[in-house]
């Protein structure tokens, strides 16, 4: 799947690297990461760290994060649910295809991050 990645983030208490599979949304030339299950450990770790790594195969890329405000989230959530309906429908109390206004009351429940690339893609064994 072209939108699936393995996310790595430092634990906010231990500093140990944690891994989780995620799907990224490309929208208006930007990349978004949505916490479909709410404010989980990886989302809290990402918010605390301010950066994450994404890996697919041998390529790794590092990103800084911009926390998306609740007022910006409805359009991103709507697009995410439309794109990943097959996977995400069970985590949203709103149906895919619903108008963006239906996402406003639930926006605060879901962490959303805009990803800003800080390091180019590189093979994992390259010297950096």
N, C-alpha and C. Protein backbone atom coordinates (compact mmCIF):
# COMPACT_ATOMS: atom_id res chain seq x y z
N UNK A 1 0.83 -1.18 0.00
CA UNK A 1 0.00 0.00 0.00
C UNK A 1 0.87 1.24 0.00
N UNK A 2 0.68 2.13 -0.95
CA UNK A 2 1.58 3.28 -1.08
C UNK A 2 1.48 4.30 0.04
N UNK A 3 0.42 4.29 0.83
CA UNK A 3 0.26 5.28 1.89
C UNK A 3 0.63 4.73 3.26
N UNK A 4 1.06 3.48 3.35
CA UNK A 4 1.37 2.83 4.62
C UNK A 4 2.86 2.94 4.94
N UNK A 5 3.13 3.25 6.20
CA UNK A 5 4.50 3.42 6.67
C UNK A 5 4.64 2.85 8.07
N UNK A 6 5.87 2.65 8.49
CA UNK A 6 6.17 2.30 9.86
C UNK A 6 6.69 3.56 10.52
N UNK A 7 5.97 4.03 11.52
CA UNK A 7 6.31 5.26 12.23
C UNK A 7 7.19 4.92 13.41
N UNK A 8 8.25 5.69 13.60
CA UNK A 8 9.09 5.54 14.80
C UNK A 8 9.07 6.86 15.55
N UNK A 9 8.99 6.74 16.86
CA UNK A 9 8.96 7.93 17.71
C UNK A 9 9.58 7.57 19.06
N UNK A 10 10.27 8.53 19.65
CA UNK A 10 10.87 8.32 20.97
C UNK A 10 9.78 8.35 22.03
N UNK A 11 9.86 7.41 22.97
CA UNK A 11 8.92 7.40 24.09
C UNK A 11 9.11 8.64 24.94
N UNK A 12 8.04 9.23 25.35
CA UNK A 12 8.13 10.50 26.09
C UNK A 12 8.70 10.32 27.50
N UNK A 13 8.63 9.14 28.06
CA UNK A 13 9.19 8.90 29.39
C UNK A 13 10.52 8.15 29.33
N UNK A 14 10.57 7.12 28.48
CA UNK A 14 11.76 6.26 28.43
C UNK A 14 12.79 6.70 27.41
N UNK A 15 12.34 7.41 26.38
CA UNK A 15 13.24 7.79 25.30
C UNK A 15 13.50 6.65 24.32
N UNK A 16 12.96 5.46 24.61
CA UNK A 16 13.13 4.31 23.73
C UNK A 16 12.28 4.49 22.48
N UNK A 17 12.79 4.00 21.36
CA UNK A 17 12.06 4.12 20.11
C UNK A 17 10.86 3.18 20.11
N UNK A 18 9.73 3.72 19.74
CA UNK A 18 8.47 2.95 19.62
C UNK A 18 8.08 2.94 18.16
N UNK A 19 7.44 1.85 17.72
CA UNK A 19 7.06 1.67 16.32
C UNK A 19 5.57 1.38 16.21
N UNK A 20 4.96 1.91 15.15
CA UNK A 20 3.54 1.62 14.87
C UNK A 20 3.30 1.82 13.38
N UNK A 21 2.44 1.00 12.81
CA UNK A 21 2.07 1.15 11.40
C UNK A 21 1.03 2.26 11.28
N UNK A 22 1.20 3.13 10.28
CA UNK A 22 0.29 4.25 10.06
C UNK A 22 0.02 4.43 8.56
N UNK A 23 -1.03 5.16 8.27
CA UNK A 23 -1.34 5.56 6.90
C UNK A 23 -1.30 7.07 6.83
N UNK A 24 -0.68 7.61 5.80
CA UNK A 24 -0.58 9.05 5.62
C UNK A 24 -1.58 9.53 4.60
N UNK A 25 -2.10 10.70 4.83
CA UNK A 25 -3.02 11.34 3.90
C UNK A 25 -2.28 12.46 3.19
N UNK A 26 -2.31 12.44 1.87
CA UNK A 26 -1.79 13.55 1.09
C UNK A 26 -2.98 14.41 0.70
N UNK A 27 -2.91 15.70 1.05
CA UNK A 27 -4.02 16.62 0.78
C UNK A 27 -3.46 18.00 0.50
N UNK A 28 -3.83 18.56 -0.64
CA UNK A 28 -3.39 19.90 -1.01
C UNK A 28 -1.87 20.06 -0.93
N UNK A 29 -1.15 19.03 -1.35
CA UNK A 29 0.31 19.09 -1.37
C UNK A 29 0.97 18.92 -0.01
N UNK A 30 0.20 18.56 1.00
CA UNK A 30 0.73 18.37 2.35
C UNK A 30 0.48 16.94 2.80
N UNK A 31 1.28 16.50 3.77
CA UNK A 31 1.13 15.18 4.36
C UNK A 31 0.54 15.31 5.76
N UNK A 32 -0.45 14.46 6.04
CA UNK A 32 -1.09 14.47 7.36
C UNK A 32 -1.07 13.08 7.97
N UNK A 33 -0.91 13.07 9.28
CA UNK A 33 -0.94 11.86 10.08
C UNK A 33 -2.13 12.00 11.02
N UNK A 34 -3.04 11.02 11.00
CA UNK A 34 -4.26 11.10 11.79
C UNK A 34 -4.27 9.95 12.80
N UNK A 35 -4.55 10.29 14.04
CA UNK A 35 -4.70 9.29 15.10
C UNK A 35 -6.13 8.80 15.14
N UNK A 36 -6.44 7.78 14.35
CA UNK A 36 -7.82 7.31 14.24
C UNK A 36 -8.37 6.72 15.52
N UNK A 37 -7.49 6.28 16.39
CA UNK A 37 -7.95 5.68 17.65
C UNK A 37 -7.90 6.67 18.81
N UNK A 38 -7.74 7.94 18.49
CA UNK A 38 -7.71 8.96 19.52
C UNK A 38 -6.31 9.28 20.00
N UNK A 39 -6.22 9.78 21.20
CA UNK A 39 -4.94 10.24 21.76
C UNK A 39 -4.16 9.07 22.36
N UNK A 40 -3.66 8.21 21.48
CA UNK A 40 -2.94 7.01 21.89
C UNK A 40 -1.50 7.36 22.31
N UNK A 41 -0.78 6.33 22.76
CA UNK A 41 0.61 6.56 23.20
C UNK A 41 1.47 7.13 22.07
N UNK A 42 1.35 6.59 20.85
CA UNK A 42 2.21 7.10 19.79
C UNK A 42 1.90 8.56 19.51
N UNK A 43 0.63 8.96 19.59
CA UNK A 43 0.27 10.35 19.34
C UNK A 43 0.81 11.26 20.44
N UNK A 44 0.73 10.83 21.69
CA UNK A 44 1.28 11.63 22.79
C UNK A 44 2.79 11.70 22.71
N UNK A 45 3.43 10.59 22.32
CA UNK A 45 4.89 10.59 22.14
C UNK A 45 5.29 11.54 21.03
N UNK A 46 4.56 11.49 19.91
CA UNK A 46 4.86 12.36 18.77
C UNK A 46 4.70 13.83 19.16
N UNK A 47 3.62 14.15 19.87
CA UNK A 47 3.38 15.53 20.29
C UNK A 47 4.50 16.01 21.21
N UNK A 48 4.92 15.16 22.13
CA UNK A 48 5.98 15.53 23.08
C UNK A 48 7.33 15.68 22.37
N UNK A 49 7.61 14.81 21.43
CA UNK A 49 8.89 14.83 20.73
C UNK A 49 8.96 15.93 19.68
N UNK A 50 7.84 16.15 18.98
CA UNK A 50 7.83 17.14 17.91
C UNK A 50 8.40 16.64 16.61
N UNK A 51 8.81 15.35 16.61
CA UNK A 51 9.34 14.79 15.36
C UNK A 51 9.11 13.28 15.36
N UNK A 52 9.10 12.72 14.14
CA UNK A 52 8.93 11.29 13.95
C UNK A 52 9.81 10.83 12.79
N UNK A 53 9.95 9.54 12.67
CA UNK A 53 10.58 8.95 11.51
C UNK A 53 9.56 8.06 10.81
N UNK A 54 9.62 7.99 9.51
CA UNK A 54 8.77 7.09 8.75
C UNK A 54 9.65 6.18 7.92
N UNK A 55 9.25 4.95 7.85
CA UNK A 55 10.05 3.96 7.12
C UNK A 55 9.13 3.12 6.24
N UNK A 56 9.60 2.90 5.01
CA UNK A 56 8.94 1.96 4.11
C UNK A 56 10.05 1.25 3.36
N UNK A 57 10.14 -0.04 3.57
CA UNK A 57 11.25 -0.78 2.97
C UNK A 57 12.56 -0.27 3.53
N UNK A 58 13.48 0.03 2.63
CA UNK A 58 14.81 0.51 3.05
C UNK A 58 14.88 2.02 3.21
N UNK A 59 13.84 2.72 2.85
CA UNK A 59 13.89 4.18 2.91
C UNK A 59 13.34 4.70 4.24
N UNK A 60 14.06 5.68 4.79
CA UNK A 60 13.65 6.34 6.03
C UNK A 60 13.61 7.84 5.80
N UNK A 61 12.64 8.49 6.38
CA UNK A 61 12.53 9.94 6.29
C UNK A 61 12.13 10.47 7.66
N UNK A 62 12.73 11.59 8.05
CA UNK A 62 12.38 12.22 9.32
C UNK A 62 11.54 13.46 9.07
N UNK A 63 10.61 13.70 9.98
CA UNK A 63 9.69 14.82 9.86
C UNK A 63 9.56 15.55 11.18
N UNK A 64 9.38 16.86 11.10
CA UNK A 64 8.93 17.60 12.26
C UNK A 64 7.41 17.65 12.15
N UNK A 65 6.76 17.93 13.26
CA UNK A 65 5.30 17.90 13.30
C UNK A 65 4.71 19.26 13.59
N UNK A 66 3.62 19.55 12.93
CA UNK A 66 2.80 20.70 13.29
C UNK A 66 1.48 20.13 13.76
N UNK A 67 1.11 20.43 15.00
CA UNK A 67 -0.17 19.98 15.52
C UNK A 67 -1.26 20.79 14.83
N UNK A 68 -2.17 20.10 14.20
CA UNK A 68 -3.27 20.76 13.47
C UNK A 68 -4.33 21.18 14.48
N UNK A 69 -4.79 22.41 14.38
CA UNK A 69 -5.79 22.94 15.32
C UNK A 69 -7.14 22.26 15.09
N UNK A 70 -7.96 22.26 16.14
CA UNK A 70 -9.29 21.65 16.04
C UNK A 70 -10.12 22.27 14.93
N UNK A 71 -9.92 23.55 14.67
CA UNK A 71 -10.71 24.21 13.62
C UNK A 71 -10.31 23.76 12.22
N UNK A 72 -9.06 23.28 12.06
CA UNK A 72 -8.58 22.78 10.77
C UNK A 72 -8.87 21.30 10.56
N UNK A 73 -9.11 20.58 11.63
CA UNK A 73 -9.24 19.13 11.56
C UNK A 73 -10.42 18.60 10.75
N UNK A 74 -11.61 19.20 10.80
CA UNK A 74 -12.74 18.58 10.12
C UNK A 74 -12.49 18.23 8.65
N UNK A 75 -11.90 19.11 7.91
CA UNK A 75 -11.64 18.84 6.48
C UNK A 75 -10.63 17.71 6.31
N UNK A 76 -9.62 17.67 7.18
CA UNK A 76 -8.61 16.61 7.11
C UNK A 76 -9.24 15.27 7.50
N UNK A 77 -10.04 15.27 8.56
CA UNK A 77 -10.71 14.04 8.98
C UNK A 77 -11.65 13.51 7.89
N UNK A 78 -12.39 14.41 7.28
CA UNK A 78 -13.30 14.01 6.20
C UNK A 78 -12.51 13.37 5.05
N UNK A 79 -11.41 13.99 4.65
CA UNK A 79 -10.59 13.46 3.56
C UNK A 79 -9.96 12.13 3.96
N UNK A 80 -9.52 12.01 5.20
CA UNK A 80 -8.91 10.77 5.67
C UNK A 80 -9.92 9.63 5.64
N UNK A 81 -11.11 9.88 6.15
CA UNK A 81 -12.14 8.84 6.17
C UNK A 81 -12.55 8.45 4.75
N UNK A 82 -12.61 9.41 3.86
CA UNK A 82 -12.92 9.10 2.46
C UNK A 82 -11.82 8.23 1.86
N UNK A 83 -10.57 8.59 2.09
CA UNK A 83 -9.44 7.87 1.51
C UNK A 83 -9.26 6.48 2.11
N UNK A 84 -9.43 6.36 3.43
CA UNK A 84 -9.16 5.10 4.12
C UNK A 84 -10.43 4.49 4.73
N UNK A 85 -11.54 4.68 4.06
CA UNK A 85 -12.83 4.18 4.56
C UNK A 85 -12.76 2.70 4.93
N UNK A 86 -12.14 1.90 4.10
CA UNK A 86 -12.04 0.45 4.31
C UNK A 86 -11.37 0.10 5.63
N UNK A 87 -10.53 1.00 6.13
CA UNK A 87 -9.77 0.74 7.34
C UNK A 87 -10.29 1.54 8.54
N UNK A 88 -10.67 2.78 8.30
CA UNK A 88 -10.94 3.71 9.39
C UNK A 88 -12.41 3.86 9.78
N UNK A 89 -13.34 3.33 9.02
CA UNK A 89 -14.76 3.57 9.27
C UNK A 89 -15.17 3.23 10.69
N UNK A 90 -14.59 2.19 11.27
CA UNK A 90 -15.02 1.75 12.60
C UNK A 90 -14.58 2.68 13.73
N UNK A 91 -13.65 3.59 13.45
CA UNK A 91 -13.14 4.48 14.49
C UNK A 91 -13.82 5.85 14.50
N UNK A 92 -14.72 6.08 13.55
CA UNK A 92 -15.39 7.37 13.44
C UNK A 92 -16.90 7.20 13.62
N UNK A 93 -17.53 8.07 14.40
CA UNK A 93 -18.98 8.01 14.55
C UNK A 93 -19.70 8.71 13.39
N UNK A 94 -18.96 9.10 12.39
CA UNK A 94 -19.48 9.79 11.21
C UNK A 94 -19.21 8.89 10.02
N UNK A 95 -20.14 8.82 9.10
CA UNK A 95 -19.97 7.97 7.92
C UNK A 95 -19.14 8.67 6.85
N UNK A 96 -18.40 7.86 6.08
CA UNK A 96 -17.66 8.39 4.93
C UNK A 96 -18.66 9.04 3.99
N UNK A 97 -18.29 10.17 3.42
CA UNK A 97 -19.18 10.90 2.53
C UNK A 97 -20.02 11.95 3.23
N UNK A 98 -19.91 12.01 4.56
CA UNK A 98 -20.65 13.03 5.32
C UNK A 98 -20.06 14.40 5.05
N UNK A 99 -20.89 15.44 5.16
CA UNK A 99 -20.36 16.79 4.97
C UNK A 99 -19.35 17.14 6.07
N UNK A 100 -18.46 18.06 5.75
CA UNK A 100 -17.40 18.44 6.68
C UNK A 100 -17.96 18.93 8.01
N UNK A 101 -19.13 19.53 8.01
CA UNK A 101 -19.73 20.03 9.25
C UNK A 101 -20.00 18.91 10.25
N UNK A 102 -20.19 17.70 9.78
CA UNK A 102 -20.43 16.57 10.67
C UNK A 102 -19.17 16.18 11.46
N UNK A 103 -18.01 16.61 10.99
CA UNK A 103 -16.76 16.28 11.65
C UNK A 103 -16.38 17.32 12.71
N UNK A 104 -17.02 18.47 12.70
CA UNK A 104 -16.68 19.53 13.66
C UNK A 104 -16.86 19.11 15.11
N UNK A 105 -17.98 18.47 15.49
CA UNK A 105 -18.15 18.09 16.90
C UNK A 105 -17.19 17.02 17.40
N UNK A 106 -16.60 16.26 16.50
CA UNK A 106 -15.71 15.17 16.93
C UNK A 106 -14.23 15.48 16.73
N UNK A 107 -13.92 16.60 16.15
CA UNK A 107 -12.54 16.93 15.77
C UNK A 107 -11.56 16.87 16.95
N UNK A 108 -11.97 17.31 18.10
CA UNK A 108 -11.06 17.35 19.26
C UNK A 108 -10.65 15.95 19.72
N UNK A 109 -11.40 14.93 19.36
CA UNK A 109 -11.09 13.55 19.78
C UNK A 109 -9.89 12.94 19.06
N UNK A 110 -9.54 13.49 17.90
CA UNK A 110 -8.54 12.88 17.04
C UNK A 110 -7.31 13.77 16.86
N UNK A 111 -6.13 13.28 17.25
CA UNK A 111 -4.93 14.07 16.98
C UNK A 111 -4.62 14.04 15.48
N UNK A 112 -4.27 15.19 14.95
CA UNK A 112 -3.89 15.32 13.54
C UNK A 112 -2.60 16.13 13.48
N UNK A 113 -1.64 15.63 12.72
CA UNK A 113 -0.35 16.29 12.58
C UNK A 113 -0.07 16.52 11.10
N UNK A 114 0.45 17.70 10.80
CA UNK A 114 0.98 17.95 9.46
C UNK A 114 2.47 17.61 9.53
N UNK A 115 2.96 16.88 8.54
CA UNK A 115 4.35 16.46 8.53
C UNK A 115 5.18 17.39 7.66
N UNK A 116 6.32 17.81 8.19
CA UNK A 116 7.24 18.67 7.47
C UNK A 116 8.58 17.95 7.42
N UNK A 117 9.01 17.58 6.21
CA UNK A 117 10.23 16.79 6.06
C UNK A 117 11.45 17.58 6.54
N UNK A 118 12.26 16.95 7.40
CA UNK A 118 13.47 17.61 7.89
C UNK A 118 14.72 16.88 7.44
N UNK A 119 14.56 15.69 6.91
CA UNK A 119 15.70 14.91 6.45
C UNK A 119 15.29 14.13 5.22
N UNK A 120 16.10 14.13 4.20
CA UNK A 120 15.72 13.41 2.98
C UNK A 120 15.70 11.91 3.20
N UNK A 121 14.99 11.22 2.29
CA UNK A 121 14.95 9.77 2.34
C UNK A 121 16.37 9.22 2.25
N UNK A 122 16.64 8.19 3.03
CA UNK A 122 17.97 7.60 3.00
C UNK A 122 17.87 6.12 3.34
N UNK A 123 18.78 5.33 2.81
CA UNK A 123 18.83 3.92 3.21
C UNK A 123 19.19 3.83 4.68
N UNK A 124 18.68 2.84 5.41
CA UNK A 124 18.91 2.77 6.85
C UNK A 124 20.37 2.54 7.23
N UNK A 125 21.19 2.01 6.33
CA UNK A 125 22.57 1.74 6.69
C UNK A 125 23.54 2.82 6.24
N UNK A 126 23.04 3.94 5.72
CA UNK A 126 23.95 5.00 5.28
C UNK A 126 24.46 5.80 6.47
N UNK A 127 25.66 6.29 6.37
CA UNK A 127 26.26 7.09 7.44
C UNK A 127 25.65 8.48 7.43
N UNK A 128 25.22 8.95 8.58
CA UNK A 128 24.61 10.27 8.64
C UNK A 128 25.13 11.03 9.83
